[in-house]
């Protein structure tokens, strides 16, 4: 199962719509807090989806950039094998 968490902002919902059109079984969690979320808040959100094979976060900078840098650092277990890639819409 895929867990998708998105900011409630109109632009992020527009960005994720093509994904949703192709992946109809995606569970979507709209989070107002993602608009200005910190690294810790984003990690907590990811931790809430332990049974998901794929977790997608559609959010904003600077929090999203902090999350990507954190996940790309191999010393940050348990994210050691995570590949995080920014996507530009």
C-alpha atoms as a PDB file:
ATOM      1  CA  UNK A   1       0.000   0.000   0.000  1.00  0.00           C
ATOM      2  CA  UNK A   2       1.111   3.562  -0.691  1.00  0.00           C
ATOM      3  CA  UNK A   3       0.638   6.361   1.828  1.00  0.00           C
ATOM      4  CA  UNK A   4       0.607   9.881   0.390  1.00  0.00           C
ATOM      5  CA  UNK A   5       0.702  12.884   2.705  1.00  0.00           C
ATOM      6  CA  UNK A   6       0.115  16.290   1.190  1.00  0.00           C
ATOM      7  CA  UNK A   7      -0.084  19.843   2.320  1.00  0.00           C
ATOM      8  CA  UNK A   8      -3.594  21.279   2.079  1.00  0.00           C
ATOM      9  CA  UNK A   9      -2.315  24.028  -0.246  1.00  0.00           C
ATOM     10  CA  UNK A  10      -3.988  24.164  -3.662  1.00  0.00           C
ATOM     11  CA  UNK A  11      -0.681  23.923  -5.551  1.00  0.00           C
ATOM     12  CA  UNK A  12       0.411  20.722  -3.792  1.00  0.00           C
ATOM     13  CA  UNK A  13      -2.943  19.092  -4.460  1.00  0.00           C
ATOM     14  CA  UNK A  14      -2.581  20.046  -8.140  1.00  0.00           C
ATOM     15  CA  UNK A  15       0.916  18.533  -8.165  1.00  0.00           C
ATOM     16  CA  UNK A  16      -0.238  15.190  -6.786  1.00  0.00           C
ATOM     17  CA  UNK A  17      -3.340  14.835  -8.982  1.00  0.00           C
ATOM     18  CA  UNK A  18      -1.533  13.114 -11.915  1.00  0.00           C
ATOM     19  CA  UNK A  19      -0.178  10.510  -9.450  1.00  0.00           C
ATOM     20  CA  UNK A  20      -3.653   9.908  -8.037  1.00  0.00           C
ATOM     21  CA  UNK A  21      -5.093   9.499 -11.535  1.00  0.00           C
ATOM     22  CA  UNK A  22      -2.666   6.627 -12.150  1.00  0.00           C
ATOM     23  CA  UNK A  23      -2.646   5.089  -8.650  1.00  0.00           C
ATOM     24  CA  UNK A  24      -6.268   4.849  -7.605  1.00  0.00           C
ATOM     25  CA  UNK A  25      -5.622   2.841  -4.432  1.00  0.00           C
ATOM     26  CA  UNK A  26      -3.340   5.463  -2.902  1.00  0.00           C
ATOM     27  CA  UNK A  27      -4.334   6.451   0.605  1.00  0.00           C
ATOM     28  CA  UNK A  28      -4.206  10.263   0.847  1.00  0.00           C
ATOM     29  CA  UNK A  29      -3.682  12.179   4.063  1.00  0.00           C
ATOM     30  CA  UNK A  30      -4.193  15.951   3.682  1.00  0.00           C
ATOM     31  CA  UNK A  31      -2.227  17.698   6.427  1.00  0.00           C
ATOM     32  CA  UNK A  32      -2.534  21.424   7.035  1.00  0.00           C
ATOM     33  CA  UNK A  33       0.579  21.172   9.214  1.00  0.00           C
ATOM     34  CA  UNK A  34       2.764  20.228   6.212  1.00  0.00           C
ATOM     35  CA  UNK A  35       2.652  23.805   4.953  1.00  0.00           C
ATOM     36  CA  UNK A  36       5.259  24.857   7.519  1.00  0.00           C
ATOM     37  CA  UNK A  37       6.359  21.480   8.893  1.00  0.00           C
ATOM     38  CA  UNK A  38       9.755  20.998  10.491  1.00  0.00           C
ATOM     39  CA  UNK A  39      12.031  18.039   9.845  1.00  0.00           C
ATOM     40  CA  UNK A  40      10.847  16.407  13.065  1.00  0.00           C
ATOM     41  CA  UNK A  41       7.191  16.820  12.135  1.00  0.00           C
ATOM     42  CA  UNK A  42       7.777  15.280   8.703  1.00  0.00           C
ATOM     43  CA  UNK A  43       9.669  12.331  10.183  1.00  0.00           C
ATOM     44  CA  UNK A  44       6.838  11.786  12.677  1.00  0.00           C
ATOM     45  CA  UNK A  45       4.359  11.777   9.801  1.00  0.00           C
ATOM     46  CA  UNK A  46       6.411   9.152   7.957  1.00  0.00           C
ATOM     47  CA  UNK A  47       6.633   7.050  11.135  1.00  0.00           C
ATOM     48  CA  UNK A  48       2.826   6.933  11.214  1.00  0.00           C
ATOM     49  CA  UNK A  49       2.829   4.734   8.078  1.00  0.00           C
ATOM     50  CA  UNK A  50       4.824   1.664   9.196  1.00  0.00           C
ATOM     51  CA  UNK A  51       2.868  -0.784   7.023  1.00  0.00           C
ATOM     52  CA  UNK A  52       3.208   1.175   3.788  1.00  0.00           C
ATOM     53  CA  UNK A  53       5.652   0.003   1.141  1.00  0.00           C
ATOM     54  CA  UNK A  54       5.874   3.527  -0.252  1.00  0.00           C
ATOM     55  CA  UNK A  55       5.431   6.848   1.557  1.00  0.00           C
ATOM     56  CA  UNK A  56       5.135  10.028  -0.504  1.00  0.00           C
ATOM     57  CA  UNK A  57       5.249  13.520   0.987  1.00  0.00           C
ATOM     58  CA  UNK A  58       4.116  16.543  -1.035  1.00  0.00           C
ATOM     59  CA  UNK A  59       5.041  19.619   0.961  1.00  0.00           C
ATOM     60  CA  UNK A  60       6.987  22.886   0.996  1.00  0.00           C
ATOM     61  CA  UNK A  61      10.440  24.301   1.627  1.00  0.00           C
ATOM     62  CA  UNK A  62      12.365  24.704   3.760  1.00  0.00           C
ATOM     63  CA  UNK A  63      10.974  21.655   5.611  1.00  0.00           C
ATOM     64  CA  UNK A  64      10.919  19.411   2.558  1.00  0.00           C
ATOM     65  CA  UNK A  65      14.515  20.261   1.709  1.00  0.00           C
ATOM     66  CA  UNK A  66      15.581  19.441   5.282  1.00  0.00           C
ATOM     67  CA  UNK A  67      13.767  16.097   5.008  1.00  0.00           C
ATOM     68  CA  UNK A  68      15.459  15.254   1.698  1.00  0.00           C
ATOM     69  CA  UNK A  69      18.908  16.088   3.058  1.00  0.00           C
ATOM     70  CA  UNK A  70      18.240  14.007   6.156  1.00  0.00           C
ATOM     71  CA  UNK A  71      17.050  10.988   4.175  1.00  0.00           C
ATOM     72  CA  UNK A  72      19.982  11.173   1.754  1.00  0.00           C
ATOM     73  CA  UNK A  73      22.524  10.994   4.600  1.00  0.00           C
ATOM     74  CA  UNK A  74      23.517   7.313   5.041  1.00  0.00           C
ATOM     75  CA  UNK A  75      24.326   7.826   8.728  1.00  0.00           C
ATOM     76  CA  UNK A  76      20.685   8.592   9.562  1.00  0.00           C
ATOM     77  CA  UNK A  77      19.450   5.075  10.360  1.00  0.00           C
ATOM     78  CA  UNK A  78      16.819   3.684   9.818  1.00  0.00           C
ATOM     79  CA  UNK A  79      16.736   5.643   6.571  1.00  0.00           C
ATOM     80  CA  UNK A  80      20.048   4.138   5.444  1.00  0.00           C
ATOM     81  CA  UNK A  81      18.594   2.623   2.272  1.00  0.00           C
ATOM     82  CA  UNK A  82      16.233   5.413   1.359  1.00  0.00           C
ATOM     83  CA  UNK A  83      16.530   7.293  -1.899  1.00  0.00           C
ATOM     84  CA  UNK A  84      14.924  10.702  -1.780  1.00  0.00           C
ATOM     85  CA  UNK A  85      14.562  12.724  -4.953  1.00  0.00           C
ATOM     86  CA  UNK A  86      13.037  16.172  -5.355  1.00  0.00           C
ATOM     87  CA  UNK A  87      10.521  16.451  -8.174  1.00  0.00           C
ATOM     88  CA  UNK A  88       9.872  19.723  -9.942  1.00  0.00           C
ATOM     89  CA  UNK A  89       6.383  20.202 -11.316  1.00  0.00           C
END
